[in-house]
């Protein structure tokens, strides 16, 4: 019997940039590439990055595709509130933790984790 080892890497992506900036586009593409290649991806949206997860946003389909491929998408509660965005305006499946930065810090301490900030 042959045993094949599958190594899954966790990509933790922190996006602070406004929609449609070059860095933001690269970040979303990285998350999609990671999940489609069998890796795990967690996308943390803070600052203007939270604008991506509102229903009706031009990138809503990208966020939905990320969620469908198993990517966990987090949005910072305080940044949503600062922009007048309520949780019922978010794409279904987006996680709004009480303390996003605490979640983020727990993630980046994991073994086999790659962290990329935009």
N, C-alpha and C. Protein backbone atom coordinates (compact mmCIF):
# COMPACT_ATOMS: atom_id res chain seq x y z
N UNK A 1 0.84 -1.18 0.00
CA UNK A 1 0.00 0.00 0.00
C UNK A 1 0.88 1.24 0.00
N UNK A 2 0.58 2.16 -0.87
CA UNK A 2 1.35 3.39 -0.98
C UNK A 2 0.61 4.52 -0.26
N UNK A 3 1.30 5.24 0.59
CA UNK A 3 0.72 6.35 1.32
C UNK A 3 1.19 7.66 0.68
N UNK A 4 0.24 8.49 0.34
CA UNK A 4 0.56 9.78 -0.24
C UNK A 4 0.27 10.86 0.80
N UNK A 5 1.25 11.68 1.05
CA UNK A 5 1.07 12.77 2.01
C UNK A 5 0.61 14.02 1.27
N UNK A 6 -0.43 14.62 1.77
CA UNK A 6 -0.93 15.86 1.19
C UNK A 6 -0.65 16.98 2.18
N UNK A 7 0.09 17.95 1.74
CA UNK A 7 0.44 19.06 2.60
C UNK A 7 -0.44 20.24 2.23
N UNK A 8 -1.23 20.68 3.18
CA UNK A 8 -2.12 21.83 2.95
C UNK A 8 -1.54 23.02 3.69
N UNK A 9 -1.38 24.06 2.96
CA UNK A 9 -0.84 25.30 3.52
C UNK A 9 -2.00 26.23 3.86
N UNK A 10 -1.89 26.94 4.95
CA UNK A 10 -2.89 27.94 5.31
C UNK A 10 -2.37 29.31 4.90
N UNK A 11 -3.11 29.97 4.03
CA UNK A 11 -2.80 31.34 3.62
C UNK A 11 -3.69 32.28 4.42
N UNK A 12 -3.09 33.18 5.18
CA UNK A 12 -3.83 34.19 5.92
C UNK A 12 -3.54 35.52 5.23
N UNK A 13 -4.61 36.08 4.67
CA UNK A 13 -4.47 37.30 3.88
C UNK A 13 -5.18 38.45 4.59
N UNK A 14 -4.46 39.52 4.83
CA UNK A 14 -5.01 40.71 5.49
C UNK A 14 -5.14 41.81 4.44
N UNK A 15 -6.37 42.24 4.19
CA UNK A 15 -6.62 43.26 3.17
C UNK A 15 -7.16 44.53 3.83
N UNK A 16 -6.41 45.60 3.69
CA UNK A 16 -6.81 46.89 4.25
C UNK A 16 -7.11 47.92 3.15
N UNK A 17 -6.84 47.57 1.92
CA UNK A 17 -6.94 48.52 0.80
C UNK A 17 -8.37 48.67 0.29
N UNK A 18 -8.64 49.82 -0.28
CA UNK A 18 -9.95 50.11 -0.88
C UNK A 18 -10.16 49.23 -2.11
N UNK A 19 -11.41 48.97 -2.44
CA UNK A 19 -11.70 48.17 -3.64
C UNK A 19 -11.09 48.77 -4.90
N UNK A 20 -10.74 47.88 -5.79
CA UNK A 20 -10.21 48.20 -7.12
C UNK A 20 -8.80 48.78 -7.13
N UNK A 21 -8.10 48.71 -6.02
CA UNK A 21 -6.68 49.07 -6.05
C UNK A 21 -5.91 47.84 -6.54
N UNK A 22 -4.75 48.04 -7.14
CA UNK A 22 -3.99 46.89 -7.63
C UNK A 22 -3.69 45.85 -6.55
N UNK A 23 -3.30 46.31 -5.35
CA UNK A 23 -2.99 45.37 -4.26
C UNK A 23 -4.21 44.54 -3.86
N UNK A 24 -5.37 45.18 -3.82
CA UNK A 24 -6.59 44.48 -3.44
C UNK A 24 -6.93 43.40 -4.46
N UNK A 25 -6.76 43.71 -5.73
CA UNK A 25 -7.03 42.73 -6.78
C UNK A 25 -6.09 41.53 -6.66
N UNK A 26 -4.82 41.80 -6.37
CA UNK A 26 -3.85 40.71 -6.19
C UNK A 26 -4.23 39.85 -4.99
N UNK A 27 -4.65 40.49 -3.91
CA UNK A 27 -5.03 39.76 -2.70
C UNK A 27 -6.18 38.79 -2.99
N UNK A 28 -7.21 39.27 -3.64
CA UNK A 28 -8.36 38.40 -3.96
C UNK A 28 -7.95 37.27 -4.89
N UNK A 29 -7.10 37.57 -5.85
CA UNK A 29 -6.61 36.55 -6.78
C UNK A 29 -5.79 35.50 -6.04
N UNK A 30 -4.97 35.93 -5.08
CA UNK A 30 -4.18 34.98 -4.28
C UNK A 30 -5.08 34.05 -3.49
N UNK A 31 -6.12 34.60 -2.89
CA UNK A 31 -7.05 33.78 -2.11
C UNK A 31 -7.74 32.75 -3.00
N UNK A 32 -8.18 33.16 -4.19
CA UNK A 32 -8.82 32.23 -5.12
C UNK A 32 -7.85 31.15 -5.60
N UNK A 33 -6.62 31.55 -5.88
CA UNK A 33 -5.61 30.59 -6.33
C UNK A 33 -5.31 29.58 -5.24
N UNK A 34 -5.20 30.04 -4.01
CA UNK A 34 -4.91 29.14 -2.89
C UNK A 34 -6.00 28.09 -2.73
N UNK A 35 -7.25 28.53 -2.70
CA UNK A 35 -8.33 27.57 -2.48
C UNK A 35 -8.52 26.65 -3.67
N UNK A 36 -8.32 27.15 -4.87
CA UNK A 36 -8.51 26.30 -6.04
C UNK A 36 -7.37 25.30 -6.22
N UNK A 37 -6.23 25.55 -5.57
CA UNK A 37 -5.11 24.60 -5.66
C UNK A 37 -5.06 23.65 -4.47
N UNK A 38 -6.08 23.71 -3.62
CA UNK A 38 -6.15 22.77 -2.51
C UNK A 38 -5.64 23.28 -1.18
N UNK A 39 -5.12 24.49 -1.17
CA UNK A 39 -4.69 25.08 0.10
C UNK A 39 -5.90 25.71 0.79
N UNK A 40 -5.69 26.11 2.02
CA UNK A 40 -6.73 26.77 2.80
C UNK A 40 -6.43 28.26 2.81
N UNK A 41 -7.46 29.09 2.72
CA UNK A 41 -7.25 30.54 2.75
C UNK A 41 -8.26 31.18 3.69
N UNK A 42 -7.76 32.12 4.48
CA UNK A 42 -8.60 32.93 5.36
C UNK A 42 -8.31 34.38 5.02
N UNK A 43 -9.36 35.10 4.64
CA UNK A 43 -9.24 36.49 4.23
C UNK A 43 -9.79 37.40 5.32
N UNK A 44 -8.92 38.27 5.84
CA UNK A 44 -9.30 39.22 6.89
C UNK A 44 -9.41 40.60 6.27
N UNK A 45 -10.59 41.20 6.38
CA UNK A 45 -10.84 42.51 5.80
C UNK A 45 -10.95 43.56 6.90
N UNK A 46 -10.09 44.57 6.82
CA UNK A 46 -10.11 45.67 7.79
C UNK A 46 -10.02 46.98 7.02
N UNK A 47 -10.32 48.07 7.70
CA UNK A 47 -10.28 49.37 7.03
C UNK A 47 -11.22 49.36 5.83
N UNK A 48 -10.77 49.93 4.73
CA UNK A 48 -11.61 49.98 3.53
C UNK A 48 -11.83 48.61 2.90
N UNK A 49 -11.07 47.61 3.32
CA UNK A 49 -11.26 46.25 2.81
C UNK A 49 -12.64 45.70 3.09
N UNK A 50 -13.31 46.21 4.15
CA UNK A 50 -14.65 45.69 4.50
C UNK A 50 -15.68 46.04 3.43
N UNK A 51 -15.38 47.00 2.58
CA UNK A 51 -16.34 47.41 1.55
C UNK A 51 -16.62 46.27 0.56
N UNK A 52 -15.71 45.33 0.44
CA UNK A 52 -15.88 44.21 -0.49
C UNK A 52 -17.05 43.29 -0.15
N UNK A 53 -17.42 43.21 1.10
CA UNK A 53 -18.37 42.17 1.51
C UNK A 53 -19.82 42.64 1.59
N UNK A 54 -20.11 43.80 1.03
CA UNK A 54 -21.49 44.27 1.03
C UNK A 54 -22.23 43.72 -0.19
N UNK A 55 -23.50 43.40 0.04
CA UNK A 55 -24.34 42.93 -1.07
C UNK A 55 -24.41 44.03 -2.12
N UNK A 56 -24.30 43.65 -3.38
CA UNK A 56 -24.38 44.61 -4.46
C UNK A 56 -23.05 45.23 -4.86
N UNK A 57 -21.98 44.95 -4.11
CA UNK A 57 -20.67 45.48 -4.47
C UNK A 57 -20.23 44.81 -5.78
N UNK A 58 -19.52 45.54 -6.65
CA UNK A 58 -19.07 44.95 -7.91
C UNK A 58 -18.24 43.66 -7.75
N UNK A 59 -17.59 43.47 -6.63
CA UNK A 59 -16.79 42.26 -6.38
C UNK A 59 -17.55 41.22 -5.56
N UNK A 60 -18.86 41.39 -5.41
CA UNK A 60 -19.65 40.44 -4.63
C UNK A 60 -19.50 39.02 -5.16
N UNK A 61 -19.48 38.85 -6.47
CA UNK A 61 -19.35 37.51 -7.06
C UNK A 61 -18.02 36.87 -6.67
N UNK A 62 -16.97 37.67 -6.59
CA UNK A 62 -15.66 37.14 -6.17
C UNK A 62 -15.70 36.67 -4.73
N UNK A 63 -16.33 37.46 -3.86
CA UNK A 63 -16.45 37.07 -2.45
C UNK A 63 -17.28 35.79 -2.34
N UNK A 64 -18.36 35.70 -3.07
CA UNK A 64 -19.19 34.48 -3.05
C UNK A 64 -18.39 33.27 -3.53
N UNK A 65 -17.60 33.47 -4.59
CA UNK A 65 -16.79 32.36 -5.10
C UNK A 65 -15.76 31.93 -4.07
N UNK A 66 -15.15 32.88 -3.38
CA UNK A 66 -14.21 32.54 -2.31
C UNK A 66 -14.89 31.70 -1.24
N UNK A 67 -16.05 32.14 -0.80
CA UNK A 67 -16.79 31.41 0.23
C UNK A 67 -17.16 30.00 -0.25
N UNK A 68 -17.55 29.89 -1.52
CA UNK A 68 -17.92 28.59 -2.08
C UNK A 68 -16.74 27.64 -2.16
N UNK A 69 -15.53 28.17 -2.33
CA UNK A 69 -14.35 27.32 -2.42
C UNK A 69 -13.77 26.98 -1.04
N UNK A 70 -14.44 27.46 0.01
CA UNK A 70 -14.00 27.13 1.37
C UNK A 70 -13.18 28.19 2.06
N UNK A 71 -12.96 29.30 1.41
CA UNK A 71 -12.24 30.39 2.04
C UNK A 71 -13.09 30.99 3.15
N UNK A 72 -12.48 31.21 4.30
CA UNK A 72 -13.17 31.92 5.37
C UNK A 72 -12.92 33.41 5.17
N UNK A 73 -13.99 34.20 5.19
CA UNK A 73 -13.88 35.63 4.99
C UNK A 73 -14.36 36.33 6.26
N UNK A 74 -13.47 37.12 6.84
CA UNK A 74 -13.75 37.84 8.08
C UNK A 74 -13.78 39.34 7.80
N UNK A 75 -14.67 40.05 8.48
CA UNK A 75 -14.72 41.51 8.37
C UNK A 75 -14.69 42.11 9.78
N UNK A 76 -13.94 43.17 9.95
CA UNK A 76 -13.79 43.81 11.26
C UNK A 76 -15.04 44.62 11.58
N UNK A 77 -15.65 44.26 12.70
CA UNK A 77 -16.91 44.86 13.14
C UNK A 77 -16.84 46.38 13.24
N UNK A 78 -15.79 46.89 13.88
CA UNK A 78 -15.66 48.33 14.08
C UNK A 78 -15.53 49.07 12.75
N UNK A 79 -14.87 48.46 11.78
CA UNK A 79 -14.70 49.12 10.48
C UNK A 79 -16.00 49.09 9.68
N UNK A 80 -16.79 48.04 9.84
CA UNK A 80 -18.12 48.01 9.23
C UNK A 80 -18.98 49.13 9.81
N UNK A 81 -18.98 49.21 11.15
CA UNK A 81 -19.78 50.23 11.83
C UNK A 81 -19.34 51.64 11.45
N UNK A 82 -18.03 51.86 11.34
CA UNK A 82 -17.50 53.19 10.99
C UNK A 82 -17.95 53.63 9.59
N UNK A 83 -18.28 52.65 8.75
CA UNK A 83 -18.71 52.96 7.38
C UNK A 83 -20.23 52.82 7.22
N UNK A 84 -20.92 52.67 8.35
CA UNK A 84 -22.38 52.58 8.32
C UNK A 84 -22.91 51.30 7.71
N UNK A 85 -22.11 50.25 7.72
CA UNK A 85 -22.53 48.96 7.13
C UNK A 85 -23.05 48.06 8.24
N UNK A 86 -24.29 47.61 8.08
CA UNK A 86 -24.90 46.69 9.04
C UNK A 86 -24.69 45.25 8.59
N UNK A 87 -24.74 44.33 9.54
CA UNK A 87 -24.50 42.92 9.23
C UNK A 87 -25.49 42.35 8.22
N UNK A 88 -26.72 42.87 8.20
CA UNK A 88 -27.71 42.36 7.23
C UNK A 88 -27.41 42.83 5.81
N UNK A 89 -26.42 43.70 5.64
CA UNK A 89 -26.01 44.16 4.31
C UNK A 89 -24.84 43.34 3.75
N UNK A 90 -24.37 42.37 4.54
CA UNK A 90 -23.19 41.60 4.15
C UNK A 90 -23.57 40.38 3.33
N UNK A 91 -22.65 39.96 2.49
CA UNK A 91 -22.79 38.71 1.75
C UNK A 91 -22.90 37.58 2.77
N UNK A 92 -23.84 36.68 2.55
CA UNK A 92 -24.05 35.57 3.47
C UNK A 92 -22.79 34.71 3.57
N UNK A 93 -22.40 34.40 4.80
CA UNK A 93 -21.23 33.56 5.03
C UNK A 93 -20.03 34.33 5.55
N UNK A 94 -20.08 35.66 5.47
CA UNK A 94 -18.99 36.48 5.99
C UNK A 94 -19.05 36.45 7.52
N UNK A 95 -17.90 36.27 8.13
CA UNK A 95 -17.79 36.16 9.58
C UNK A 95 -17.41 37.52 10.17
N UNK A 96 -18.15 37.95 11.18
CA UNK A 96 -17.86 39.21 11.86
C UNK A 96 -17.59 38.88 13.34
N UNK A 97 -16.34 38.57 13.67
CA UNK A 97 -16.03 38.22 15.06
C UNK A 97 -16.03 39.45 15.96
N UNK A 98 -16.22 39.20 17.25
CA UNK A 98 -16.18 40.30 18.21
C UNK A 98 -14.80 40.95 18.24
N UNK A 99 -13.74 40.14 18.10
CA UNK A 99 -12.37 40.67 18.13
C UNK A 99 -11.59 40.07 16.97
N UNK A 100 -11.69 40.71 15.82
CA UNK A 100 -11.04 40.20 14.61
C UNK A 100 -9.54 40.09 14.77
N UNK A 101 -8.91 41.06 15.39
CA UNK A 101 -7.46 41.03 15.51
C UNK A 101 -6.99 39.89 16.40
N UNK A 102 -7.78 39.53 17.40
CA UNK A 102 -7.45 38.38 18.23
C UNK A 102 -7.50 37.10 17.40
N UNK A 103 -8.53 36.98 16.56
CA UNK A 103 -8.65 35.83 15.64
C UNK A 103 -7.45 35.79 14.70
N UNK A 104 -7.11 36.94 14.15
CA UNK A 104 -5.98 37.04 13.23
C UNK A 104 -4.68 36.59 13.90
N UNK A 105 -4.45 37.06 15.11
CA UNK A 105 -3.21 36.69 15.83
C UNK A 105 -3.17 35.19 16.11
N UNK A 106 -4.30 34.59 16.43
CA UNK A 106 -4.34 33.14 16.62
C UNK A 106 -3.98 32.41 15.34
N UNK A 107 -4.48 32.91 14.23
CA UNK A 107 -4.22 32.27 12.93
C UNK A 107 -2.75 32.30 12.57
N UNK A 108 -2.11 33.44 12.72
CA UNK A 108 -0.74 33.57 12.23
C UNK A 108 0.26 32.80 13.09
N UNK A 109 -0.17 32.32 14.22
CA UNK A 109 0.70 31.50 15.07
C UNK A 109 0.68 30.02 14.66
N UNK A 110 -0.21 29.66 13.76
CA UNK A 110 -0.35 28.26 13.36
C UNK A 110 0.85 27.83 12.51
N UNK A 111 1.16 26.54 12.65
CA UNK A 111 2.22 25.96 11.84
C UNK A 111 1.75 25.89 10.39
N UNK A 112 2.67 25.94 9.46
CA UNK A 112 2.36 25.88 8.02
C UNK A 112 1.43 27.00 7.58
N UNK A 113 1.68 28.17 8.10
CA UNK A 113 0.85 29.33 7.78
C UNK A 113 1.71 30.37 7.07
N UNK A 114 1.16 30.91 5.99
CA UNK A 114 1.80 32.01 5.27
C UNK A 114 0.93 33.23 5.41
N UNK A 115 1.50 34.34 5.82
CA UNK A 115 0.76 35.57 6.04
C UNK A 115 1.17 36.59 4.98
N UNK A 116 0.16 37.17 4.33
CA UNK A 116 0.41 38.20 3.33
C UNK A 116 -0.52 39.38 3.65
N UNK A 117 0.05 40.57 3.75
CA UNK A 117 -0.72 41.76 4.08
C UNK A 117 -0.75 42.72 2.89
N UNK A 118 -1.92 43.24 2.63
CA UNK A 118 -2.09 44.21 1.55
C UNK A 118 -2.74 45.47 2.09
